[in-house]
N, C-alpha and C. Protein backbone atom coordinates (compact mmCIF):
# COMPACT_ATOMS: atom_id res chain seq x y z
N MET A 1 88.04 153.10 99.04
CA MET A 1 87.34 151.89 99.12
C MET A 1 88.16 151.16 97.95
N LEU A 2 88.18 150.07 98.15
CA LEU A 2 88.60 149.00 97.01
C LEU A 2 87.78 148.88 95.69
N ASP A 3 88.24 148.79 94.58
CA ASP A 3 87.52 148.65 93.40
C ASP A 3 87.70 147.00 93.18
N LYS A 4 86.59 146.35 93.34
CA LYS A 4 86.33 144.96 93.12
C LYS A 4 86.71 144.58 91.76
N ASN A 5 86.68 145.29 91.01
CA ASN A 5 86.61 145.03 89.30
C ASN A 5 88.51 144.96 89.11
N LEU A 6 89.16 145.59 90.24
CA LEU A 6 90.68 145.43 90.08
C LEU A 6 91.45 144.17 90.84
N LEU A 7 90.49 143.55 91.29
CA LEU A 7 90.90 142.25 92.16
C LEU A 7 91.09 141.12 90.96
N PRO A 8 92.04 140.32 91.10
CA PRO A 8 92.14 138.98 90.49
C PRO A 8 90.92 138.18 90.54
N ASP A 9 90.36 137.75 89.63
CA ASP A 9 89.29 136.67 90.04
C ASP A 9 89.87 135.23 90.05
N PRO A 10 89.39 134.85 91.62
CA PRO A 10 90.15 133.57 92.04
C PRO A 10 89.74 132.58 91.03
N GLU A 11 88.86 132.35 90.51
CA GLU A 11 88.67 131.52 89.26
C GLU A 11 89.64 131.20 88.36
N GLU A 12 90.47 132.21 88.04
CA GLU A 12 91.46 132.32 87.00
C GLU A 12 92.71 132.20 87.85
N THR A 13 92.94 131.83 89.22
CA THR A 13 94.39 131.68 89.71
C THR A 13 94.90 130.20 89.48
N ILE A 14 96.04 130.08 89.66
CA ILE A 14 96.93 128.73 89.38
C ILE A 14 96.19 127.74 90.64
N GLY A 15 96.21 127.96 91.41
CA GLY A 15 95.75 127.30 92.69
C GLY A 15 94.48 126.97 92.52
N PHE A 16 93.38 127.99 92.12
CA PHE A 16 91.82 127.14 91.98
C PHE A 16 91.82 126.46 90.77
N VAL A 17 92.46 126.72 89.77
CA VAL A 17 92.61 125.75 88.68
C VAL A 17 93.25 124.36 88.76
N CYS A 18 94.14 124.40 89.55
CA CYS A 18 94.74 122.99 89.75
C CYS A 18 93.96 122.20 90.82
N TYR A 19 93.21 123.13 91.79
CA TYR A 19 92.46 122.34 92.86
C TYR A 19 91.04 121.71 92.04
N ARG A 20 90.36 122.58 91.55
CA ARG A 20 89.11 122.05 90.49
C ARG A 20 89.80 120.86 89.83
N THR A 21 90.89 120.93 89.12
CA THR A 21 91.37 120.02 88.28
C THR A 21 91.72 118.80 88.90
N SER A 22 92.23 118.74 90.04
CA SER A 22 92.55 117.66 90.82
C SER A 22 91.31 116.84 91.17
N LEU A 23 90.37 117.57 91.69
CA LEU A 23 89.05 117.18 91.97
C LEU A 23 88.32 116.60 91.13
N SER A 24 88.09 117.17 89.73
CA SER A 24 87.78 116.59 88.64
C SER A 24 88.41 115.05 88.19
N ILE A 25 89.68 115.30 88.43
CA ILE A 25 90.31 113.81 87.96
C ILE A 25 90.29 112.90 88.67
N LYS A 26 90.06 113.20 90.26
CA LYS A 26 89.68 112.39 91.30
C LYS A 26 88.61 111.49 90.93
N GLN A 27 87.48 112.42 90.78
CA GLN A 27 86.32 112.00 90.59
C GLN A 27 86.06 111.13 89.12
N HIS A 28 86.74 111.45 87.99
CA HIS A 28 86.72 110.80 87.08
C HIS A 28 87.41 109.43 87.15
N LEU A 29 88.59 109.45 87.83
CA LEU A 29 89.33 108.13 88.15
C LEU A 29 88.38 107.17 88.89
N LEU A 30 87.52 108.00 90.05
CA LEU A 30 86.85 107.08 91.17
C LEU A 30 85.54 106.42 90.28
N LYS A 31 85.11 107.08 89.20
CA LYS A 31 83.99 106.60 88.43
C LYS A 31 84.61 105.46 87.56
N GLN A 32 85.83 105.47 87.09
CA GLN A 32 86.20 104.46 86.18
C GLN A 32 86.49 103.32 87.13
N PHE A 33 87.15 103.48 88.14
CA PHE A 33 87.25 102.30 89.10
C PHE A 33 86.08 101.71 89.32
N LYS A 34 84.95 102.28 89.72
CA LYS A 34 83.68 101.73 89.99
C LYS A 34 83.16 100.92 88.58
N GLU A 35 83.26 101.67 87.61
CA GLU A 35 82.83 100.87 86.29
C GLU A 35 83.40 99.76 85.94
N ASN A 36 84.72 99.62 86.33
CA ASN A 36 85.20 98.63 86.06
C ASN A 36 85.25 97.52 87.19
N GLY A 37 84.63 97.65 88.18
CA GLY A 37 84.53 96.70 89.34
C GLY A 37 85.35 96.66 90.24
N PHE A 38 86.27 97.94 90.53
CA PHE A 38 87.10 97.79 91.51
C PHE A 38 86.43 98.74 92.72
N ASP A 39 86.59 98.15 93.80
CA ASP A 39 86.08 98.73 95.11
C ASP A 39 87.27 99.07 95.56
N ILE A 40 87.87 100.56 94.94
CA ILE A 40 89.17 101.07 95.33
C ILE A 40 88.92 102.83 95.40
N THR A 41 89.57 103.51 96.34
CA THR A 41 89.29 104.68 96.53
C THR A 41 90.72 105.43 95.61
N VAL A 42 90.73 106.62 95.32
CA VAL A 42 92.00 107.14 94.62
C VAL A 42 93.10 107.04 95.72
N GLU A 43 92.92 107.50 96.82
CA GLU A 43 93.81 107.49 97.91
C GLU A 43 94.19 105.94 98.13
N GLN A 44 93.40 104.93 98.42
CA GLN A 44 93.99 103.41 98.23
C GLN A 44 94.95 103.21 97.23
N TRP A 45 94.33 103.52 96.00
CA TRP A 45 95.41 103.23 94.67
C TRP A 45 96.59 103.75 94.99
N GLY A 46 96.48 105.09 95.44
CA GLY A 46 97.95 105.78 95.64
C GLY A 46 98.91 104.95 96.37
N VAL A 47 98.48 104.51 97.58
CA VAL A 47 98.90 103.60 98.67
C VAL A 47 99.64 102.32 97.89
N MET A 48 98.53 101.58 97.36
CA MET A 48 98.80 100.37 96.64
C MET A 48 100.09 100.47 95.43
N TYR A 49 99.80 101.68 94.76
CA TYR A 49 100.75 101.76 93.38
C TYR A 49 102.41 102.02 94.41
N ARG A 50 102.47 102.65 95.41
CA ARG A 50 103.79 102.90 95.75
C ARG A 50 104.32 101.62 96.20
N ILE A 51 103.17 100.95 97.07
CA ILE A 51 103.95 99.40 97.46
C ILE A 51 104.44 98.81 96.16
N PHE A 52 103.73 98.64 95.00
CA PHE A 52 103.63 98.05 94.06
C PHE A 52 105.03 98.41 93.45
N LYS A 53 105.65 99.64 93.30
CA LYS A 53 106.65 100.47 92.73
C LYS A 53 107.63 100.27 93.70
N TYR A 54 107.60 100.13 94.98
CA TYR A 54 108.91 100.13 95.63
C TYR A 54 108.94 98.84 96.50
N ASP A 55 108.10 97.81 96.23
CA ASP A 55 108.26 96.29 96.90
C ASP A 55 107.74 96.78 98.47
N ALA A 56 108.47 96.34 99.32
CA ALA A 56 108.33 96.82 100.98
C ALA A 56 108.27 98.13 101.10
N LEU A 57 107.29 98.66 101.96
CA LEU A 57 107.64 99.93 102.30
C LEU A 57 107.09 100.11 103.80
N THR A 58 107.47 100.80 104.76
CA THR A 58 107.10 101.12 105.83
C THR A 58 105.86 102.06 105.68
N GLN A 59 104.91 102.14 107.12
CA GLN A 59 103.69 103.24 107.00
C GLN A 59 104.38 104.43 106.69
N ASN A 60 105.28 104.87 107.27
CA ASN A 60 105.98 106.41 107.12
C ASN A 60 106.67 106.68 105.90
N GLN A 61 107.13 105.36 105.41
CA GLN A 61 107.60 105.83 103.92
C GLN A 61 106.39 106.02 103.06
N ILE A 62 105.37 105.38 103.10
CA ILE A 62 104.06 105.48 102.29
C ILE A 62 103.52 106.94 102.51
N ALA A 63 103.54 107.36 103.79
CA ALA A 63 102.92 108.83 104.15
C ALA A 63 103.90 109.91 103.32
N GLU A 64 105.21 109.44 103.26
CA GLU A 64 106.00 110.75 102.77
C GLU A 64 105.84 110.61 101.24
N LYS A 65 105.49 109.39 100.58
CA LYS A 65 105.61 109.37 99.34
C LYS A 65 103.89 109.55 98.52
N THR A 66 102.93 109.71 99.48
CA THR A 66 101.65 109.76 99.02
C THR A 66 101.29 111.46 99.71
N PHE A 67 102.06 112.08 100.31
CA PHE A 67 101.78 113.36 100.90
C PHE A 67 100.79 113.37 102.02
N LYS A 68 100.81 112.29 102.92
CA LYS A 68 99.55 112.41 103.50
C LYS A 68 99.96 111.97 104.98
N GLN A 69 99.24 112.29 106.11
CA GLN A 69 99.77 112.26 107.51
C GLN A 69 99.39 111.10 107.94
N GLY A 70 100.21 110.61 109.06
CA GLY A 70 99.92 109.13 109.52
C GLY A 70 98.67 108.61 109.80
N PRO A 71 97.92 109.02 110.56
CA PRO A 71 96.50 108.92 110.97
C PRO A 71 95.21 108.40 109.55
N ASN A 72 95.75 109.26 108.38
CA ASN A 72 95.16 108.85 107.39
C ASN A 72 95.71 107.65 106.65
N ILE A 73 96.75 107.49 106.57
CA ILE A 73 97.58 106.47 105.93
C ILE A 73 97.18 105.17 107.21
N THR A 74 96.97 105.19 108.13
CA THR A 74 96.88 104.36 109.08
C THR A 74 95.27 103.70 108.60
N ARG A 75 94.39 104.84 108.49
CA ARG A 75 92.79 104.09 107.82
C ARG A 75 93.16 103.35 106.76
N ILE A 76 93.62 103.95 105.44
CA ILE A 76 93.84 103.80 104.32
C ILE A 76 94.38 102.13 104.38
N ILE A 77 95.36 102.01 105.28
CA ILE A 77 96.21 100.61 105.05
C ILE A 77 95.18 99.55 105.72
N ASP A 78 94.47 100.19 106.86
CA ASP A 78 93.75 99.01 107.65
C ASP A 78 92.51 98.61 106.46
N ASP A 79 91.86 99.58 105.69
CA ASP A 79 90.78 99.30 104.93
C ASP A 79 91.34 98.52 103.73
N LEU A 80 92.68 98.56 103.23
CA LEU A 80 93.49 97.80 102.05
C LEU A 80 93.41 96.41 102.67
N GLU A 81 93.93 96.13 104.21
CA GLU A 81 94.10 95.21 104.68
C GLU A 81 92.82 94.22 104.87
N GLN A 82 91.78 94.89 105.15
CA GLN A 82 90.25 94.18 105.35
C GLN A 82 89.81 93.85 104.18
N LYS A 83 90.51 94.40 102.89
CA LYS A 83 90.32 93.93 101.42
C LYS A 83 91.07 92.74 101.08
N ASN A 84 91.82 92.40 101.97
CA ASN A 84 92.83 91.41 101.64
C ASN A 84 93.85 92.05 100.22
N LEU A 85 94.02 93.39 100.23
CA LEU A 85 95.15 93.86 98.99
C LEU A 85 96.36 94.00 99.56
N VAL A 86 96.53 94.34 100.88
CA VAL A 86 98.07 94.51 101.56
C VAL A 86 97.94 93.54 102.71
N SER A 87 99.28 93.38 102.97
CA SER A 87 99.81 92.89 104.42
C SER A 87 100.74 93.22 105.00
N ARG A 88 100.68 93.20 106.43
CA ARG A 88 101.74 94.17 107.24
C ARG A 88 102.44 92.87 107.68
N GLN A 89 104.01 92.88 107.32
CA GLN A 89 105.00 92.07 108.34
C GLN A 89 105.68 92.57 108.93
N PRO A 90 106.26 92.11 109.86
CA PRO A 90 107.28 92.59 110.89
C PRO A 90 108.65 92.90 109.92
N ASP A 91 109.34 94.13 110.27
CA ASP A 91 110.65 94.36 109.59
C ASP A 91 111.22 93.50 110.39
N ILE A 92 112.13 92.92 109.77
CA ILE A 92 113.29 91.97 110.69
C ILE A 92 114.57 93.11 110.92
N SER A 93 114.66 94.01 110.61
CA SER A 93 115.82 94.73 111.16
C SER A 93 115.55 95.73 112.29
N ASP A 94 114.10 95.89 112.29
CA ASP A 94 113.52 96.56 113.42
C ASP A 94 112.18 96.16 113.86
N ARG A 95 111.95 95.70 114.75
CA ARG A 95 110.75 94.89 114.89
C ARG A 95 109.64 96.07 115.50
N ARG A 96 109.87 97.18 115.90
CA ARG A 96 108.99 97.98 116.20
C ARG A 96 108.12 98.43 114.85
N LYS A 97 108.87 98.27 113.60
CA LYS A 97 108.04 98.51 112.22
C LYS A 97 107.52 97.48 111.99
N TYR A 98 106.67 97.85 110.57
CA TYR A 98 106.02 96.57 109.94
C TYR A 98 106.03 97.05 108.30
N LEU A 99 106.64 96.18 107.58
CA LEU A 99 106.69 96.28 106.33
C LEU A 99 105.29 96.03 105.07
N LEU A 100 104.78 96.86 104.62
CA LEU A 100 103.84 96.75 103.86
C LEU A 100 104.01 96.07 102.41
N PHE A 101 103.31 94.81 102.24
CA PHE A 101 103.45 94.18 100.99
C PHE A 101 101.85 94.04 100.29
N LEU A 102 102.02 93.83 98.97
CA LEU A 102 100.92 93.78 98.33
C LEU A 102 100.33 92.08 98.11
N THR A 103 99.19 91.78 98.62
CA THR A 103 98.89 90.34 98.42
C THR A 103 98.78 89.85 97.05
N GLU A 104 98.77 88.88 96.66
CA GLU A 104 98.68 88.46 95.33
C GLU A 104 97.16 89.16 94.79
N GLU A 105 96.03 89.23 95.28
CA GLU A 105 94.92 89.64 94.79
C GLU A 105 95.18 91.24 94.84
N GLY A 106 96.13 92.08 95.66
CA GLY A 106 96.46 93.34 95.55
C GLY A 106 97.42 93.46 94.37
N ASN A 107 98.11 92.63 94.10
CA ASN A 107 99.23 92.73 93.01
C ASN A 107 98.33 92.63 91.56
N ASN A 108 97.40 91.53 91.37
CA ASN A 108 96.61 91.66 90.27
C ASN A 108 95.53 92.73 90.17
N THR A 109 94.97 93.26 91.38
CA THR A 109 94.25 94.74 91.35
C THR A 109 95.06 95.85 90.62
N VAL A 110 96.41 96.02 91.28
CA VAL A 110 97.29 96.92 90.46
C VAL A 110 97.27 96.84 89.18
N LEU A 111 97.70 95.76 88.54
CA LEU A 111 97.98 95.39 87.21
C LEU A 111 96.75 95.61 86.48
N ASN A 112 95.65 95.48 87.06
CA ASN A 112 94.31 95.62 86.23
C ASN A 112 93.95 97.25 86.24
N LEU A 113 94.23 97.62 87.51
CA LEU A 113 93.83 99.40 87.51
C LEU A 113 95.02 99.92 86.53
N LEU A 114 96.10 99.54 86.50
CA LEU A 114 97.04 100.08 85.47
C LEU A 114 96.30 100.33 84.20
N GLN A 115 95.70 99.32 83.50
CA GLN A 115 94.93 99.58 82.33
C GLN A 115 93.65 100.21 82.48
N VAL A 116 92.95 100.48 83.28
CA VAL A 116 91.81 101.28 83.50
C VAL A 116 92.47 102.94 83.58
N LEU A 117 93.69 102.81 84.18
CA LEU A 117 94.37 104.33 84.14
C LEU A 117 94.95 104.78 82.67
N VAL A 118 95.35 103.94 82.29
CA VAL A 118 95.78 104.37 80.70
C VAL A 118 94.63 105.03 80.08
N LYS A 119 93.31 104.32 79.97
CA LYS A 119 92.22 104.73 79.14
C LYS A 119 91.49 105.99 79.91
N ALA A 120 91.67 105.88 81.32
CA ALA A 120 91.09 107.44 81.84
C ALA A 120 92.24 108.66 81.42
N LYS A 121 93.34 108.48 81.48
CA LYS A 121 94.48 109.49 81.06
C LYS A 121 94.16 109.75 79.55
N GLU A 122 93.85 108.75 78.64
CA GLU A 122 93.49 109.20 77.32
C GLU A 122 92.12 109.89 76.98
N SER A 123 91.27 109.88 78.13
CA SER A 123 90.12 110.75 78.17
C SER A 123 90.11 111.87 78.56
N PHE A 124 91.07 112.24 79.68
CA PHE A 124 91.26 113.47 80.19
C PHE A 124 92.23 114.19 79.67
N SER A 125 92.91 113.50 78.88
CA SER A 125 94.17 114.27 77.98
C SER A 125 93.93 114.39 76.53
N GLU A 126 92.84 114.10 76.13
CA GLU A 126 92.02 114.30 74.81
C GLU A 126 92.18 115.85 74.40
N GLY A 127 92.66 115.87 73.19
CA GLY A 127 93.06 117.30 72.78
C GLY A 127 94.24 118.21 73.06
N ILE A 128 94.95 117.41 74.25
CA ILE A 128 96.15 118.08 74.87
C ILE A 128 97.60 117.14 74.09
N SER A 129 98.54 117.81 73.69
CA SER A 129 99.56 117.35 72.77
C SER A 129 100.43 116.76 73.79
N GLN A 130 101.35 115.79 73.80
CA GLN A 130 102.20 115.21 74.85
C GLN A 130 103.07 116.58 75.18
N GLU A 131 103.63 117.18 74.23
CA GLU A 131 104.37 118.42 74.57
C GLU A 131 103.65 119.26 75.57
N GLU A 132 102.46 119.60 75.29
CA GLU A 132 101.86 120.79 76.17
C GLU A 132 101.76 119.75 77.86
N MET A 133 101.15 118.61 77.80
CA MET A 133 101.12 117.66 78.80
C MET A 133 102.66 117.89 79.63
N ALA A 134 103.82 117.78 78.86
CA ALA A 134 104.83 117.81 79.66
C ALA A 134 105.16 118.99 80.06
N THR A 135 104.76 120.17 79.29
CA THR A 135 104.95 121.37 79.98
C THR A 135 104.25 121.74 80.99
N THR A 136 102.91 121.25 81.09
CA THR A 136 102.23 121.41 82.20
C THR A 136 102.62 121.01 83.51
N ILE A 137 103.10 119.75 83.24
CA ILE A 137 103.76 118.90 84.36
C ILE A 137 104.92 119.68 84.92
N ASN A 138 105.75 120.02 83.79
CA ASN A 138 106.94 120.65 84.14
C ASN A 138 107.01 122.00 85.17
N VAL A 139 106.00 122.75 84.51
CA VAL A 139 105.36 124.19 85.27
C VAL A 139 104.92 123.66 86.87
N LEU A 140 103.96 122.79 86.99
CA LEU A 140 103.62 122.43 88.09
C LEU A 140 104.58 121.93 89.24
N ASN A 141 105.58 121.17 88.50
CA ASN A 141 106.46 120.78 89.73
C ASN A 141 107.53 121.63 89.82
N LYS A 142 107.78 122.91 88.99
CA LYS A 142 108.31 124.06 89.50
C LYS A 142 107.88 124.79 90.66
N ILE A 143 106.36 125.15 90.31
CA ILE A 143 105.69 125.58 91.19
C ILE A 143 106.00 124.91 92.55
N TYR A 144 105.67 123.72 92.79
CA TYR A 144 105.86 122.77 93.77
C TYR A 144 107.03 122.94 94.40
N HIS A 145 108.25 122.83 93.77
CA HIS A 145 109.49 122.94 94.30
C HIS A 145 109.74 124.37 94.83
N ASN A 146 109.35 125.27 94.38
CA ASN A 146 109.42 126.66 94.69
C ASN A 146 108.72 126.78 95.97
N ILE A 147 107.59 126.38 96.13
CA ILE A 147 106.73 126.32 97.60
C ILE A 147 107.29 125.25 98.56
N SER A 148 107.88 124.26 98.34
CA SER A 148 108.26 123.21 99.31
C SER A 148 109.60 123.63 99.54
N SER A 149 110.74 124.36 98.79
CA SER A 149 111.65 124.67 99.51
C SER A 149 111.63 125.80 100.49
N LYS A 150 110.48 126.47 100.53
CA LYS A 150 110.45 127.74 101.41
C LYS A 150 109.49 127.27 102.60
N GLU A 151 108.80 126.36 102.53
CA GLU A 151 107.79 125.88 103.51
C GLU A 151 107.72 124.53 103.87
N ASP A 152 107.51 124.22 105.22
CA ASP A 152 106.85 122.82 105.48
C ASP A 152 105.40 122.60 105.28
N LEU A 153 105.48 121.80 103.92
CA LEU A 153 104.16 121.44 103.80
C LEU A 153 103.31 120.72 104.41
N ILE A 154 101.96 121.00 104.79
CA ILE A 154 101.16 120.45 105.56
C ILE A 154 100.42 119.04 104.78
N CYS A 155 100.45 117.84 105.26
CA CYS A 155 100.05 116.69 104.12
C CYS A 155 98.57 116.67 104.76
N THR A 156 97.85 115.74 103.74
CA THR A 156 96.34 115.52 104.09
C THR A 156 96.47 114.39 104.88
């Protein structure tokens, strides 16, 4: 018979701690967005920021950069387009594709949300040195690369 006391506590595994922390950060950011008057989800923010950072992107490029599957990206982009934050324009080099751009309102929203994010980061990194944060990010990136080099990761 298996001794349950010898099993690792799932709540002490890196997977659980990362998942719990990710959810907590997501909830914290969503709360900060709402408190600052932005009707944006964290997923929508991720799409908008990628478009802001890289200028024009196709839907497939956004899916790759946000680790999301096509149908989820389509829904997010549709929502952002309804809010007049992004626009689709035909790609002149390939008429089958559309490029996504931020509207003027979308660009202003990103710039304002960046200020909200700076404050949010300050609150959730309280008591953590820059060196500790850099080490944490470095270790998590190594774990990600170890896994992604061996498997096809499923995007949400």
